[in-house]
Every structure is written in structure tokens, then in C-alpha cells.
PDB file of N, CA and C in Angstrom:
ATOM      1  N   MET A   1      -6.082  -1.056 -14.909  1.00  0.00           N
ATOM      2  CA  MET A   1      -7.148  -0.676 -13.992  1.00  0.00           C
ATOM      3  C   MET A   1      -6.886   0.691 -13.383  1.00  0.00           C
ATOM      4  N   GLY A   2      -5.696   0.883 -12.812  1.00  0.00           N
ATOM      5  CA  GLY A   2      -5.383   2.143 -12.167  1.00  0.00           C
ATOM      6  C   GLY A   2      -4.150   2.800 -12.787  1.00  0.00           C
ATOM      7  N   THR A   3      -3.739   3.894 -12.230  1.00  0.00           N
ATOM      8  CA  THR A   3      -2.558   4.582 -12.699  1.00  0.00           C
ATOM      9  C   THR A   3      -1.462   4.528 -11.634  1.00  0.00           C
ATOM     10  N   LYS A   4      -0.243   4.303 -12.087  1.00  0.00           N
ATOM     11  CA  LYS A   4       0.902   4.227 -11.179  1.00  0.00           C
ATOM     12  C   LYS A   4       1.264   5.619 -10.712  1.00  0.00           C
ATOM     13  N   ILE A   5       1.359   5.811  -9.391  1.00  0.00           N
ATOM     14  CA  ILE A   5       1.724   7.126  -8.857  1.00  0.00           C
ATOM     15  C   ILE A   5       2.991   7.092  -8.023  1.00  0.00           C
ATOM     16  N   GLY A   6       3.395   5.926  -7.570  1.00  0.00           N
ATOM     17  CA  GLY A   6       4.571   5.814  -6.716  1.00  0.00           C
ATOM     18  C   GLY A   6       5.847   5.699  -7.550  1.00  0.00           C
ATOM     19  N   LYS A   7       6.955   6.215  -7.027  1.00  0.00           N
ATOM     20  CA  LYS A   7       8.246   6.082  -7.653  1.00  0.00           C
ATOM     21  C   LYS A   7       9.163   5.077  -6.973  1.00  0.00           C
ATOM     22  N   GLU A   8       8.755   4.645  -5.778  1.00  0.00           N
ATOM     23  CA  GLU A   8       9.543   3.712  -4.991  1.00  0.00           C
ATOM     24  C   GLU A   8       8.975   2.314  -5.137  1.00  0.00           C
ATOM     25  N   LYS A   9       9.830   1.329  -5.427  1.00  0.00           N
ATOM     26  CA  LYS A   9       9.365  -0.060  -5.545  1.00  0.00           C
ATOM     27  C   LYS A   9       9.357  -0.701  -4.180  1.00  0.00           C
ATOM     28  N   ILE A  10       8.245  -1.377  -3.842  1.00  0.00           N
ATOM     29  CA  ILE A  10       8.074  -2.029  -2.562  1.00  0.00           C
ATOM     30  C   ILE A  10       8.334  -3.546  -2.748  1.00  0.00           C
ATOM     31  N   GLN A  11       9.242  -4.086  -1.932  1.00  0.00           N
ATOM     32  CA  GLN A  11       9.508  -5.525  -1.946  1.00  0.00           C
ATOM     33  C   GLN A  11       8.554  -6.184  -0.960  1.00  0.00           C
ATOM     34  N   ARG A  12       7.771  -7.125  -1.458  1.00  0.00           N
ATOM     35  CA  ARG A  12       6.756  -7.802  -0.643  1.00  0.00           C
ATOM     36  C   ARG A  12       7.358  -9.036   0.066  1.00  0.00           C
ATOM     37  N   GLU A  13       6.827  -9.289   1.244  1.00  0.00           N
ATOM     38  CA  GLU A  13       7.178 -10.515   2.010  1.00  0.00           C
ATOM     39  C   GLU A  13       5.929 -11.328   2.165  1.00  0.00           C
ATOM     40  N   LYS A  14       6.083 -12.661   2.278  1.00  0.00           N
ATOM     41  CA  LYS A  14       4.931 -13.517   2.519  1.00  0.00           C
ATOM     42  C   LYS A  14       4.428 -13.300   3.917  1.00  0.00           C
ATOM     43  N   GLY A  15       3.117 -13.377   4.077  1.00  0.00           N
ATOM     44  CA  GLY A  15       2.503 -13.270   5.386  1.00  0.00           C
ATOM     45  C   GLY A  15       2.198 -11.855   5.842  1.00  0.00           C
ATOM     46  N   TYR A  16       2.307 -10.866   4.938  1.00  0.00           N
ATOM     47  CA  TYR A  16       2.024  -9.478   5.279  1.00  0.00           C
ATOM     48  C   TYR A  16       0.995  -8.889   4.325  1.00  0.00           C
ATOM     49  N   LEU A  17       0.184  -7.962   4.840  1.00  0.00           N
ATOM     50  CA  LEU A  17      -0.797  -7.234   4.095  1.00  0.00           C
ATOM     51  C   LEU A  17      -0.286  -5.811   3.978  1.00  0.00           C
ATOM     52  N   TYR A  18      -0.284  -5.231   2.765  1.00  0.00           N
ATOM     53  CA  TYR A  18       0.274  -3.909   2.530  1.00  0.00           C
ATOM     54  C   TYR A  18      -0.827  -2.887   2.287  1.00  0.00           C
ATOM     55  N   PHE A  19      -0.676  -1.697   2.876  1.00  0.00           N
ATOM     56  CA  PHE A  19      -1.679  -0.633   2.739  1.00  0.00           C
ATOM     57  C   PHE A  19      -1.027   0.712   2.891  1.00  0.00           C
ATOM     58  N   ILE A  20      -1.739   1.758   2.453  1.00  0.00           N
ATOM     59  CA  ILE A  20      -1.298   3.156   2.641  1.00  0.00           C
ATOM     60  C   ILE A  20      -1.987   3.651   3.892  1.00  0.00           C
ATOM     61  N   GLY A  21      -1.184   4.042   4.887  1.00  0.00           N
ATOM     62  CA  GLY A  21      -1.728   4.526   6.151  1.00  0.00           C
ATOM     63  C   GLY A  21      -2.269   5.929   6.071  1.00  0.00           C
ATOM     64  N   LYS A  22      -2.820   6.393   7.169  1.00  0.00           N
ATOM     65  CA  LYS A  22      -3.362   7.763   7.246  1.00  0.00           C
ATOM     66  C   LYS A  22      -2.252   8.791   7.114  1.00  0.00           C
ATOM     67  N   ASP A  23      -1.035   8.423   7.500  1.00  0.00           N
ATOM     68  CA  ASP A  23       0.094   9.326   7.378  1.00  0.00           C
ATOM     69  C   ASP A  23       0.623   9.430   5.951  1.00  0.00           C
ATOM     70  N   GLY A  24       0.198   8.572   5.032  1.00  0.00           N
ATOM     71  CA  GLY A  24       0.619   8.626   3.643  1.00  0.00           C
ATOM     72  C   GLY A  24       1.760   7.674   3.288  1.00  0.00           C
ATOM     73  N   TYR A  25       2.250   6.925   4.245  1.00  0.00           N
ATOM     74  CA  TYR A  25       3.337   5.982   3.975  1.00  0.00           C
ATOM     75  C   TYR A  25       2.799   4.571   3.811  1.00  0.00           C
ATOM     76  N   VAL A  26       3.600   3.697   3.166  1.00  0.00           N
ATOM     77  CA  VAL A  26       3.203   2.307   2.971  1.00  0.00           C
ATOM     78  C   VAL A  26       3.555   1.532   4.229  1.00  0.00           C
ATOM     79  N   TRP A  27       2.589   0.760   4.730  1.00  0.00           N
ATOM     80  CA  TRP A  27       2.771  -0.066   5.919  1.00  0.00           C
ATOM     81  C   TRP A  27       2.536  -1.510   5.610  1.00  0.00           C
ATOM     82  N   ALA A  28       3.188  -2.395   6.373  1.00  0.00           N
ATOM     83  CA  ALA A  28       2.981  -3.839   6.254  1.00  0.00           C
ATOM     84  C   ALA A  28       2.463  -4.366   7.590  1.00  0.00           C
ATOM     85  N   ALA A  29       1.326  -5.024   7.595  1.00  0.00           N
ATOM     86  CA  ALA A  29       0.747  -5.589   8.788  1.00  0.00           C
ATOM     87  C   ALA A  29       0.717  -7.098   8.609  1.00  0.00           C
ATOM     88  N   PRO A  30       1.025  -7.844   9.685  1.00  0.00           N
ATOM     89  CA  PRO A  30       1.003  -9.320   9.569  1.00  0.00           C
ATOM     90  C   PRO A  30      -0.400  -9.855   9.407  1.00  0.00           C
ATOM     91  N   MET A  31      -0.516 -10.886   8.568  1.00  0.00           N
ATOM     92  CA  MET A  31      -1.811 -11.557   8.414  1.00  0.00           C
ATOM     93  C   MET A  31      -2.028 -12.457   9.659  1.00  0.00           C
ATOM     94  N   LYS A  32      -3.229 -12.973   9.772  1.00  0.00           N
ATOM     95  CA  LYS A  32      -3.602 -13.735  10.957  1.00  0.00           C
ATOM     96  C   LYS A  32      -2.720 -14.963  11.153  1.00  0.00           C
ATOM     97  N   HIS A  33      -2.310 -15.603  10.086  1.00  0.00           N
ATOM     98  CA  HIS A  33      -1.490 -16.803  10.212  1.00  0.00           C
ATOM     99  C   HIS A  33      -0.026 -16.508  10.477  1.00  0.00           C
ATOM    100  N   ASN A  34       0.381 -15.240  10.399  1.00  0.00           N
ATOM    101  CA  ASN A  34       1.755 -14.836  10.677  1.00  0.00           C
ATOM    102  C   ASN A  34       1.830 -14.397  12.142  1.00  0.00           C
ATOM    103  N   LYS A  35       2.125 -15.292  13.035  1.00  0.00           N
ATOM    104  CA  LYS A  35       2.088 -15.028  14.492  1.00  0.00           C
ATOM    105  C   LYS A  35       3.273 -14.190  14.979  1.00  0.00           C
ATOM    106  N   THR A  36       4.394 -14.295  14.296  1.00  0.00           N
ATOM    107  CA  THR A  36       5.639 -13.615  14.770  1.00  0.00           C
ATOM    108  C   THR A  36       5.814 -12.205  14.207  1.00  0.00           C
ATOM    109  N   GLY A  37       5.053 -11.830  13.216  1.00  0.00           N
ATOM    110  CA  GLY A  37       5.254 -10.551  12.537  1.00  0.00           C
ATOM    111  C   GLY A  37       4.741  -9.384  13.362  1.00  0.00           C
ATOM    112  N   ARG A  38       5.270  -8.187  13.055  1.00  0.00           N
ATOM    113  CA  ARG A  38       4.803  -6.947  13.680  1.00  0.00           C
ATOM    114  C   ARG A  38       4.522  -5.926  12.570  1.00  0.00           C
ATOM    115  N   LYS A  39       3.664  -4.978  12.874  1.00  0.00           N
ATOM    116  CA  LYS A  39       3.342  -3.901  11.935  1.00  0.00           C
ATOM    117  C   LYS A  39       4.580  -3.031  11.743  1.00  0.00           C
ATOM    118  N   LYS A  40       4.910  -2.671  10.472  1.00  0.00           N
ATOM    119  CA  LYS A  40       6.093  -1.887  10.236  1.00  0.00           C
ATOM    120  C   LYS A  40       5.898  -0.966   9.021  1.00  0.00           C
ATOM    121  N   LYS A  41       6.585   0.156   9.042  1.00  0.00           N
ATOM    122  CA  LYS A  41       6.549   1.073   7.912  1.00  0.00           C
ATOM    123  C   LYS A  41       7.552   0.551   6.888  1.00  0.00           C
ATOM    124  N   VAL A  42       7.103   0.454   5.629  1.00  0.00           N
ATOM    125  CA  VAL A  42       7.951  -0.151   4.590  1.00  0.00           C
ATOM    126  C   VAL A  42       8.588   0.897   3.682  1.00  0.00           C
ATOM    127  N   GLY A  43       7.804   1.818   3.185  1.00  0.00           N
ATOM    128  CA  GLY A  43       8.330   2.791   2.217  1.00  0.00           C
ATOM    129  C   GLY A  43       8.738   4.098   2.866  1.00  0.00           C
ATOM    130  N   THR A  44       9.547   4.851   2.128  1.00  0.00           N
ATOM    131  CA  THR A  44       9.982   6.172   2.592  1.00  0.00           C
ATOM    132  C   THR A  44       9.281   7.272   1.791  1.00  0.00           C
ATOM    133  N   GLU A  45       8.557   6.906   0.738  1.00  0.00           N
ATOM    134  CA  GLU A  45       7.866   7.886  -0.079  1.00  0.00           C
ATOM    135  C   GLU A  45       6.484   8.190   0.495  1.00  0.00           C
ATOM    136  N   LYS A  46       6.147   9.467   0.632  1.00  0.00           N
ATOM    137  CA  LYS A  46       4.848   9.880   1.171  1.00  0.00           C
ATOM    138  C   LYS A  46       3.871  10.070  -0.010  1.00  0.00           C
ATOM    139  N   ILE A  47       2.700   9.470   0.113  1.00  0.00           N
ATOM    140  CA  ILE A  47       1.674   9.528  -0.939  1.00  0.00           C
ATOM    141  C   ILE A  47       0.580  10.503  -0.479  1.00  0.00           C
ATOM    142  N   ALA A  48       0.259  11.477  -1.320  1.00  0.00           N
ATOM    143  CA  ALA A  48      -0.817  12.404  -1.033  1.00  0.00           C
ATOM    144  C   ALA A  48      -2.123  11.775  -1.534  1.00  0.00           C
ATOM    145  N   LYS A  49      -3.011  11.422  -0.589  1.00  0.00           N
ATOM    146  CA  LYS A  49      -4.241  10.730  -0.903  1.00  0.00           C
ATOM    147  C   LYS A  49      -5.339  11.733  -1.318  1.00  0.00           C
ATOM    148  N   GLU A  50      -6.140  11.355  -2.292  1.00  0.00           N
ATOM    149  CA  GLU A  50      -7.286  12.141  -2.732  1.00  0.00           C
ATOM    150  C   GLU A  50      -8.574  11.408  -2.405  1.00  0.00           C
ATOM    151  N   LYS A  51      -9.637  12.149  -2.159  1.00  0.00           N
ATOM    152  CA  LYS A  51     -10.934  11.553  -1.853  1.00  0.00           C
ATOM    153  C   LYS A  51     -11.477  10.916  -3.132  1.00  0.00           C
ATOM    154  N   GLY A  52     -12.112   9.730  -2.965  1.00  0.00           N
ATOM    155  CA  GLY A  52     -12.728   9.075  -4.109  1.00  0.00           C
ATOM    156  C   GLY A  52     -11.799   8.125  -4.850  1.00  0.00           C
ATOM    157  N   PHE A  53     -10.605   7.886  -4.349  1.00  0.00           N
ATOM    158  CA  PHE A  53      -9.660   6.963  -4.990  1.00  0.00           C
ATOM    159  C   PHE A  53      -9.262   5.844  -4.027  1.00  0.00           C
ATOM    160  N   MET A  54      -8.989   4.697  -4.578  1.00  0.00           N
ATOM    161  CA  MET A  54      -8.511   3.549  -3.821  1.00  0.00           C
ATOM    162  C   MET A  54      -7.013   3.388  -4.131  1.00  0.00           C
ATOM    163  N   TYR A  55      -6.222   3.204  -3.103  1.00  0.00           N
ATOM    164  CA  TYR A  55      -4.758   3.073  -3.268  1.00  0.00           C
ATOM    165  C   TYR A  55      -4.335   1.674  -2.940  1.00  0.00           C
ATOM    166  N   TYR A  56      -3.418   1.142  -3.760  1.00  0.00           N
ATOM    167  CA  TYR A  56      -2.964  -0.253  -3.580  1.00  0.00           C
ATOM    168  C   TYR A  56      -1.544  -0.426  -4.101  1.00  0.00           C
ATOM    169  N   ILE A  57      -0.920  -1.523  -3.764  1.00  0.00           N
ATOM    170  CA  ILE A  57       0.391  -1.895  -4.262  1.00  0.00           C
ATOM    171  C   ILE A  57       0.144  -2.841  -5.455  1.00  0.00           C
ATOM    172  N   GLY A  58       0.577  -2.419  -6.600  1.00  0.00           N
ATOM    173  CA  GLY A  58       0.363  -3.258  -7.830  1.00  0.00           C
ATOM    174  C   GLY A  58       1.267  -4.469  -7.877  1.00  0.00           C
ATOM    175  N   LYS A  59       1.091  -5.289  -8.876  1.00  0.00           N
ATOM    176  CA  LYS A  59       1.903  -6.497  -9.048  1.00  0.00           C
ATOM    177  C   LYS A  59       3.350  -6.140  -9.319  1.00  0.00           C
ATOM    178  N   ASP A  60       3.568  -4.963  -9.909  1.00  0.00           N
ATOM    179  CA  ASP A  60       4.938  -4.534 -10.196  1.00  0.00           C
ATOM    180  C   ASP A  60       5.667  -3.977  -8.977  1.00  0.00           C
ATOM    181  N   GLY A  61       4.921  -3.756  -7.846  1.00  0.00           N
ATOM    182  CA  GLY A  61       5.539  -3.286  -6.644  1.00  0.00           C
ATOM    183  C   GLY A  61       5.423  -1.769  -6.396  1.00  0.00           C
ATOM    184  N   PHE A  62       4.768  -1.068  -7.297  1.00  0.00           N
ATOM    185  CA  PHE A  62       4.641   0.375  -7.139  1.00  0.00           C
ATOM    186  C   PHE A  62       3.215   0.715  -6.636  1.00  0.00           C
ATOM    187  N   VAL A  63       3.092   1.863  -5.974  1.00  0.00           N
ATOM    188  CA  VAL A  63       1.795   2.319  -5.486  1.00  0.00           C
ATOM    189  C   VAL A  63       0.969   2.840  -6.683  1.00  0.00           C
ATOM    190  N   ALA A  64      -0.289   2.432  -6.719  1.00  0.00           N
ATOM    191  CA  ALA A  64      -1.181   2.863  -7.806  1.00  0.00           C
ATOM    192  C   ALA A  64      -2.506   3.294  -7.192  1.00  0.00           C
ATOM    193  N   LYS A  65      -3.294   4.040  -7.999  1.00  0.00           N
ATOM    194  CA  LYS A  65      -4.627   4.477  -7.531  1.00  0.00           C
ATOM    195  C   LYS A  65      -5.628   4.219  -8.643  1.00  0.00           C
ATOM    196  N   ALA A  66      -6.865   3.963  -8.160  1.00  0.00           N
ATOM    197  CA  ALA A  66      -7.979   3.698  -9.073  1.00  0.00           C
ATOM    198  C   ALA A  66      -9.208   4.459  -8.545  1.00  0.00           C
ATOM    199  N   LYS A  67      -9.988   5.014  -9.432  1.00  0.00           N
ATOM    200  CA  LYS A  67     -11.199   5.737  -9.041  1.00  0.00           C
ATOM    201  C   LYS A  67     -12.268   4.763  -8.588  1.00  0.00           C
ATOM    202  N   MET A  68     -12.883   5.060  -7.425  1.00  0.00           N
ATOM    203  CA  MET A  68     -13.981   4.201  -6.941  1.00  0.00           C
ATOM    204  C   MET A  68     -15.276   4.631  -7.596  1.00  0.00           C
ATOM    205  N   LYS A  69     -16.119   3.676  -7.905  1.00  0.00           N
ATOM    206  CA  LYS A  69     -17.360   3.966  -8.605  1.00  0.00           C
ATOM    207  C   LYS A  69     -18.366   4.702  -7.730  1.00  0.00           C
ATOM    208  N   ASN A  70     -18.505   4.296  -6.460  1.00  0.00           N
ATOM    209  CA  ASN A  70     -19.576   4.829  -5.617  1.00  0.00           C
ATOM    210  C   ASN A  70     -19.091   5.924  -4.684  1.00  0.00           C
ATOM    211  N   ALA A  71     -17.951   6.491  -4.904  1.00  0.00           N
ATOM    212  CA  ALA A  71     -17.442   7.539  -4.012  1.00  0.00           C
ATOM    213  C   ALA A  71     -17.811   8.913  -4.508  1.00  0.00           C
TER     214      ALA A  71
END
């Protein structure tokens, strides 16, 4: 679906949602059922975001991007 752009592998934990923040780093935010968790920066690699692309953490643990259809 998308192309792998990250070089750093992200280890996932249960109960967290992973996203690329405005600062370009990977962040983990607790899901609603995770009452004890706190938002934290996970990765040390900075991702340069481009307009018209969606960024996500793939199943292999690396950051990937895919072109959005309506952007």
C-alpha cells in the first residue's frame, strides 16, 4: 500500500495509539481503556512530512507513507 520511509523500528505496546506528531517524531498516546498511560515520544528519528500523504506505523514497525486520494 505505502512505501517505507523510516529507518528506526518502533516497538509497540498494547493500549497505545501511535502517530507522527507535528514536530515529526513518533508519539504514543494511551487509548481510552488504558487509564494509567501517558502520552510519550517513542522514536528518535525525525520524519519530514509532505502534503497529500498519510503517515503510519506499518506491521513491520517502520514508518511508512501512502498517497491520499482526495488530497
